[in-house]
């Protein structure tokens, strides 16, 4: 994790630091949907060698 000095930048929905003027209006994501997405990524990371081998063209 990178330590960033305190600034006015915020994280956008994709995880990039942007200034407040650059960020678009954020829609709220249901907690259930957010958790399901998180679990999907965690599962992909656990199985990364087989995942990357079978889906290399997409990544």
PDB file of N, CA and C in Angstrom:
ATOM      1  N   UNK A   1       0.843  -1.170   0.000  1.00  0.00           N
ATOM      2  CA  UNK A   1       0.000   0.000   0.000  1.00  0.00           C
ATOM      3  C   UNK A   1       0.890   1.234   0.000  1.00  0.00           C
ATOM      4  N   UNK A   2       0.509   2.207  -0.760  1.00  0.00           N
ATOM      5  CA  UNK A   2       1.294   3.421  -0.876  1.00  0.00           C
ATOM      6  C   UNK A   2       0.747   4.456   0.092  1.00  0.00           C
ATOM      7  N   UNK A   3       1.623   5.038   0.884  1.00  0.00           N
ATOM      8  CA  UNK A   3       1.208   6.118   1.769  1.00  0.00           C
ATOM      9  C   UNK A   3       1.197   7.405   0.971  1.00  0.00           C
ATOM     10  N   UNK A   4       0.067   8.072   0.956  1.00  0.00           N
ATOM     11  CA  UNK A   4      -0.059   9.329   0.223  1.00  0.00           C
ATOM     12  C   UNK A   4      -0.176  10.462   1.232  1.00  0.00           C
ATOM     13  N   UNK A   5       0.476  11.573   0.939  1.00  0.00           N
ATOM     14  CA  UNK A   5       0.312  12.722   1.831  1.00  0.00           C
ATOM     15  C   UNK A   5      -1.139  13.190   1.786  1.00  0.00           C
ATOM     16  N   UNK A   6      -1.554  13.813   2.853  1.00  0.00           N
ATOM     17  CA  UNK A   6      -2.925  14.306   2.885  1.00  0.00           C
ATOM     18  C   UNK A   6      -3.126  15.309   1.766  1.00  0.00           C
ATOM     19  N   UNK A   7      -4.190  15.135   1.029  1.00  0.00           N
ATOM     20  CA  UNK A   7      -4.501  16.052  -0.062  1.00  0.00           C
ATOM     21  C   UNK A   7      -6.005  16.062  -0.261  1.00  0.00           C
ATOM     22  N   UNK A   8      -6.429  16.824  -1.257  1.00  0.00           N
ATOM     23  CA  UNK A   8      -7.851  16.906  -1.561  1.00  0.00           C
ATOM     24  C   UNK A   8      -8.306  15.771  -2.466  1.00  0.00           C
ATOM     25  N   UNK A   9      -7.373  14.916  -2.911  1.00  0.00           N
ATOM     26  CA  UNK A   9      -7.739  13.853  -3.831  1.00  0.00           C
ATOM     27  C   UNK A   9      -8.576  12.785  -3.134  1.00  0.00           C
ATOM     28  N   UNK A  10      -9.482  12.218  -3.896  1.00  0.00           N
ATOM     29  CA  UNK A  10     -10.346  11.153  -3.394  1.00  0.00           C
ATOM     30  C   UNK A  10     -10.262   9.970  -4.350  1.00  0.00           C
ATOM     31  N   UNK A  11     -10.683   8.808  -3.883  1.00  0.00           N
ATOM     32  CA  UNK A  11     -10.720   7.627  -4.746  1.00  0.00           C
ATOM     33  C   UNK A  11     -12.006   7.626  -5.556  1.00  0.00           C
ATOM     34  N   UNK A  12     -11.888   7.345  -6.856  1.00  0.00           N
ATOM     35  CA  UNK A  12     -13.092   7.186  -7.651  1.00  0.00           C
ATOM     36  C   UNK A  12     -13.563   5.742  -7.573  1.00  0.00           C
ATOM     37  N   UNK A  13     -14.607   5.404  -8.285  1.00  0.00           N
ATOM     38  CA  UNK A  13     -15.183   4.062  -8.181  1.00  0.00           C
ATOM     39  C   UNK A  13     -14.274   2.981  -8.715  1.00  0.00           C
ATOM     40  N   UNK A  14     -13.250   3.369  -9.487  1.00  0.00           N
ATOM     41  CA  UNK A  14     -12.318   2.393 -10.044  1.00  0.00           C
ATOM     42  C   UNK A  14     -11.031   2.288  -9.240  1.00  0.00           C
ATOM     43  N   UNK A  15     -10.906   3.073  -8.167  1.00  0.00           N
ATOM     44  CA  UNK A  15      -9.735   2.988  -7.307  1.00  0.00           C
ATOM     45  C   UNK A  15      -8.622   3.944  -7.665  1.00  0.00           C
ATOM     46  N   UNK A  16      -8.898   4.914  -8.545  1.00  0.00           N
ATOM     47  CA  UNK A  16      -7.894   5.904  -8.917  1.00  0.00           C
ATOM     48  C   UNK A  16      -8.079   7.164  -8.081  1.00  0.00           C
ATOM     49  N   UNK A  17      -6.958   7.824  -7.764  1.00  0.00           N
ATOM     50  CA  UNK A  17      -7.032   9.090  -7.052  1.00  0.00           C
ATOM     51  C   UNK A  17      -7.350  10.198  -8.049  1.00  0.00           C
ATOM     52  N   UNK A  18      -8.378  10.974  -7.767  1.00  0.00           N
ATOM     53  CA  UNK A  18      -8.776  12.095  -8.615  1.00  0.00           C
ATOM     54  C   UNK A  18      -9.069  13.297  -7.732  1.00  0.00           C
ATOM     55  N   UNK A  19      -8.970  14.476  -8.310  1.00  0.00           N
ATOM     56  CA  UNK A  19      -9.332  15.668  -7.552  1.00  0.00           C
ATOM     57  C   UNK A  19     -10.854  15.736  -7.481  1.00  0.00           C
ATOM     58  N   UNK A  20     -11.391  16.419  -6.492  1.00  0.00           N
ATOM     59  CA  UNK A  20     -12.848  16.443  -6.330  1.00  0.00           C
ATOM     60  C   UNK A  20     -13.587  16.943  -7.571  1.00  0.00           C
ATOM     61  N   UNK A  21     -12.989  17.859  -8.336  1.00  0.00           N
ATOM     62  CA  UNK A  21     -13.637  18.354  -9.544  1.00  0.00           C
ATOM     63  C   UNK A  21     -13.695  17.332 -10.659  1.00  0.00           C
ATOM     64  N   UNK A  22     -12.796  16.362 -10.647  1.00  0.00           N
ATOM     65  CA  UNK A  22     -12.749  15.347 -11.693  1.00  0.00           C
ATOM     66  C   UNK A  22     -13.696  14.191 -11.432  1.00  0.00           C
ATOM     67  N   UNK A  23     -14.065  14.003 -10.190  1.00  0.00           N
ATOM     68  CA  UNK A  23     -14.912  12.849  -9.877  1.00  0.00           C
ATOM     69  C   UNK A  23     -16.335  13.120 -10.349  1.00  0.00           C
ATOM     70  N   UNK A  24     -16.950  12.091 -10.869  1.00  0.00           N
ATOM     71  CA  UNK A  24     -18.330  12.186 -11.311  1.00  0.00           C
ATOM     72  C   UNK A  24     -19.229  11.813 -10.141  1.00  0.00           C
ATOM     73  N   UNK A  25     -20.479  12.085 -10.301  1.00  0.00           N
ATOM     74  CA  UNK A  25     -21.419  11.726  -9.240  1.00  0.00           C
ATOM     75  C   UNK A  25     -21.410  10.211  -9.088  1.00  0.00           C
ATOM     76  N   UNK A  26     -21.163   9.785  -7.891  1.00  0.00           N
ATOM     77  CA  UNK A  26     -21.067   8.349  -7.613  1.00  0.00           C
ATOM     78  C   UNK A  26     -22.451   7.791  -7.317  1.00  0.00           C
ATOM     79  N   UNK A  27     -22.763   6.688  -7.972  1.00  0.00           N
ATOM     80  CA  UNK A  27     -23.993   6.007  -7.621  1.00  0.00           C
ATOM     81  C   UNK A  27     -23.702   5.077  -6.458  1.00  0.00           C
ATOM     82  N   UNK A  28     -24.673   4.864  -5.641  1.00  0.00           N
ATOM     83  CA  UNK A  28     -24.470   3.968  -4.513  1.00  0.00           C
ATOM     84  C   UNK A  28     -24.658   2.534  -4.981  1.00  0.00           C
ATOM     85  N   UNK A  29     -23.794   1.683  -4.500  1.00  0.00           N
ATOM     86  CA  UNK A  29     -23.874   0.269  -4.828  1.00  0.00           C
ATOM     87  C   UNK A  29     -24.400  -0.453  -3.600  1.00  0.00           C
ATOM     88  N   UNK A  30     -25.377  -1.294  -3.839  1.00  0.00           N
ATOM     89  CA  UNK A  30     -25.957  -2.079  -2.758  1.00  0.00           C
ATOM     90  C   UNK A  30     -24.859  -2.891  -2.078  1.00  0.00           C
ATOM     91  N   UNK A  31     -24.907  -2.986  -0.771  1.00  0.00           N
ATOM     92  CA  UNK A  31     -23.879  -3.708  -0.012  1.00  0.00           C
ATOM     93  C   UNK A  31     -23.788  -5.171  -0.441  1.00  0.00           C
ATOM     94  N   UNK A  32     -24.913  -5.763  -0.789  1.00  0.00           N
ATOM     95  CA  UNK A  32     -24.908  -7.160  -1.236  1.00  0.00           C
ATOM     96  C   UNK A  32     -24.146  -7.307  -2.547  1.00  0.00           C
ATOM     97  N   UNK A  33     -24.355  -6.382  -3.464  1.00  0.00           N
ATOM     98  CA  UNK A  33     -23.663  -6.410  -4.756  1.00  0.00           C
ATOM     99  C   UNK A  33     -22.171  -6.187  -4.552  1.00  0.00           C
ATOM    100  N   UNK A  34     -21.817  -5.226  -3.714  1.00  0.00           N
ATOM    101  CA  UNK A  34     -20.405  -4.948  -3.448  1.00  0.00           C
ATOM    102  C   UNK A  34     -19.719  -6.161  -2.830  1.00  0.00           C
ATOM    103  N   UNK A  35     -20.377  -6.817  -1.905  1.00  0.00           N
ATOM    104  CA  UNK A  35     -19.792  -8.004  -1.265  1.00  0.00           C
ATOM    105  C   UNK A  35     -19.646  -9.152  -2.257  1.00  0.00           C
ATOM    106  N   UNK A  36     -20.639  -9.332  -3.129  1.00  0.00           N
ATOM    107  CA  UNK A  36     -20.566 -10.385  -4.142  1.00  0.00           C
ATOM    108  C   UNK A  36     -19.392 -10.140  -5.089  1.00  0.00           C
ATOM    109  N   UNK A  37     -19.179  -8.884  -5.485  1.00  0.00           N
ATOM    110  CA  UNK A  37     -18.045  -8.540  -6.350  1.00  0.00           C
ATOM    111  C   UNK A  37     -16.722  -8.785  -5.636  1.00  0.00           C
ATOM    112  N   UNK A  38     -16.660  -8.417  -4.366  1.00  0.00           N
ATOM    113  CA  UNK A  38     -15.442  -8.631  -3.586  1.00  0.00           C
ATOM    114  C   UNK A  38     -15.114 -10.121  -3.483  1.00  0.00           C
ATOM    115  N   UNK A  39     -16.125 -10.931  -3.214  1.00  0.00           N
ATOM    116  CA  UNK A  39     -15.909 -12.376  -3.114  1.00  0.00           C
ATOM    117  C   UNK A  39     -15.458 -12.969  -4.444  1.00  0.00           C
ATOM    118  N   UNK A  40     -15.991 -12.434  -5.544  1.00  0.00           N
ATOM    119  CA  UNK A  40     -15.577 -12.903  -6.867  1.00  0.00           C
ATOM    120  C   UNK A  40     -14.088 -12.659  -7.068  1.00  0.00           C
ATOM    121  N   UNK A  41     -13.616 -11.444  -6.735  1.00  0.00           N
ATOM    122  CA  UNK A  41     -12.194 -11.118  -6.903  1.00  0.00           C
ATOM    123  C   UNK A  41     -11.320 -11.941  -5.968  1.00  0.00           C
ATOM    124  N   UNK A  42     -11.749 -12.135  -4.732  1.00  0.00           N
ATOM    125  CA  UNK A  42     -10.973 -12.952  -3.802  1.00  0.00           C
ATOM    126  C   UNK A  42     -10.850 -14.384  -4.302  1.00  0.00           C
ATOM    127  N   UNK A  43     -11.936 -14.917  -4.851  1.00  0.00           N
ATOM    128  CA  UNK A  43     -11.905 -16.266  -5.408  1.00  0.00           C
ATOM    129  C   UNK A  43     -10.962 -16.334  -6.609  1.00  0.00           C
ATOM    130  N   UNK A  44     -10.987 -15.301  -7.453  1.00  0.00           N
ATOM    131  CA  UNK A  44     -10.090 -15.279  -8.611  1.00  0.00           C
ATOM    132  C   UNK A  44      -8.635 -15.249  -8.167  1.00  0.00           C
ATOM    133  N   UNK A  45      -8.315 -14.477  -7.146  1.00  0.00           N
ATOM    134  CA  UNK A  45      -6.929 -14.398  -6.675  1.00  0.00           C
ATOM    135  C   UNK A  45      -6.455 -15.714  -6.067  1.00  0.00           C
ATOM    136  N   UNK A  46      -7.341 -16.409  -5.366  1.00  0.00           N
ATOM    137  CA  UNK A  46      -6.976 -17.699  -4.781  1.00  0.00           C
ATOM    138  C   UNK A  46      -6.650 -18.704  -5.887  1.00  0.00           C
ATOM    139  N   UNK A  47      -7.415 -18.653  -6.972  1.00  0.00           N
ATOM    140  CA  UNK A  47      -7.234 -19.594  -8.076  1.00  0.00           C
ATOM    141  C   UNK A  47      -6.492 -18.956  -9.251  1.00  0.00           C
ATOM    142  N   UNK A  48      -5.655 -17.958  -8.995  1.00  0.00           N
ATOM    143  CA  UNK A  48      -5.049 -17.169 -10.062  1.00  0.00           C
ATOM    144  C   UNK A  48      -4.313 -17.983 -11.127  1.00  0.00           C
ATOM    145  N   UNK A  49      -3.465 -18.945 -10.790  1.00  0.00           N
ATOM    146  CA  UNK A  49      -2.757 -19.682 -11.853  1.00  0.00           C
ATOM    147  C   UNK A  49      -3.708 -20.349 -12.859  1.00  0.00           C
ATOM    148  N   UNK A  50      -4.751 -20.998 -12.372  1.00  0.00           N
ATOM    149  CA  UNK A  50      -5.688 -21.633 -13.303  1.00  0.00           C
ATOM    150  C   UNK A  50      -6.565 -20.597 -13.992  1.00  0.00           C
ATOM    151  N   UNK A  51      -6.895 -19.528 -13.293  1.00  0.00           N
ATOM    152  CA  UNK A  51      -7.721 -18.479 -13.882  1.00  0.00           C
ATOM    153  C   UNK A  51      -6.997 -17.812 -15.041  1.00  0.00           C
ATOM    154  N   UNK A  52      -5.743 -17.443 -14.849  1.00  0.00           N
ATOM    155  CA  UNK A  52      -4.987 -16.756 -15.892  1.00  0.00           C
ATOM    156  C   UNK A  52      -4.728 -17.684 -17.075  1.00  0.00           C
ATOM    157  N   UNK A  53      -4.518 -18.962 -16.819  1.00  0.00           N
ATOM    158  CA  UNK A  53      -4.268 -19.914 -17.906  1.00  0.00           C
ATOM    159  C   UNK A  53      -5.497 -20.079 -18.799  1.00  0.00           C
ATOM    160  N   UNK A  54      -6.678 -20.084 -18.200  1.00  0.00           N
ATOM    161  CA  UNK A  54      -7.891 -20.307 -18.987  1.00  0.00           C
ATOM    162  C   UNK A  54      -8.464 -19.035 -19.596  1.00  0.00           C
ATOM    163  N   UNK A  55      -8.083 -17.858 -19.091  1.00  0.00           N
ATOM    164  CA  UNK A  55      -8.663 -16.604 -19.583  1.00  0.00           C
ATOM    165  C   UNK A  55      -7.593 -15.583 -19.976  1.00  0.00           C
ATOM    166  N   UNK A  56      -6.454 -16.056 -20.426  1.00  0.00           N
ATOM    167  CA  UNK A  56      -5.338 -15.167 -20.736  1.00  0.00           C
ATOM    168  C   UNK A  56      -5.704 -14.139 -21.801  1.00  0.00           C
ATOM    169  N   UNK A  57      -6.484 -14.509 -22.815  1.00  0.00           N
ATOM    170  CA  UNK A  57      -6.840 -13.590 -23.899  1.00  0.00           C
ATOM    171  C   UNK A  57      -7.637 -12.382 -23.407  1.00  0.00           C
ATOM    172  N   UNK A  58      -8.464 -12.560 -22.389  1.00  0.00           N
ATOM    173  CA  UNK A  58      -9.266 -11.454 -21.868  1.00  0.00           C
ATOM    174  C   UNK A  58      -8.440 -10.512 -21.004  1.00  0.00           C
ATOM    175  N   UNK A  59      -7.421 -11.032 -20.371  1.00  0.00           N
ATOM    176  CA  UNK A  59      -6.622 -10.237 -19.455  1.00  0.00           C
ATOM    177  C   UNK A  59      -5.446  -9.716 -20.204  1.00  0.00           C
TER     178      UNK A  59
END
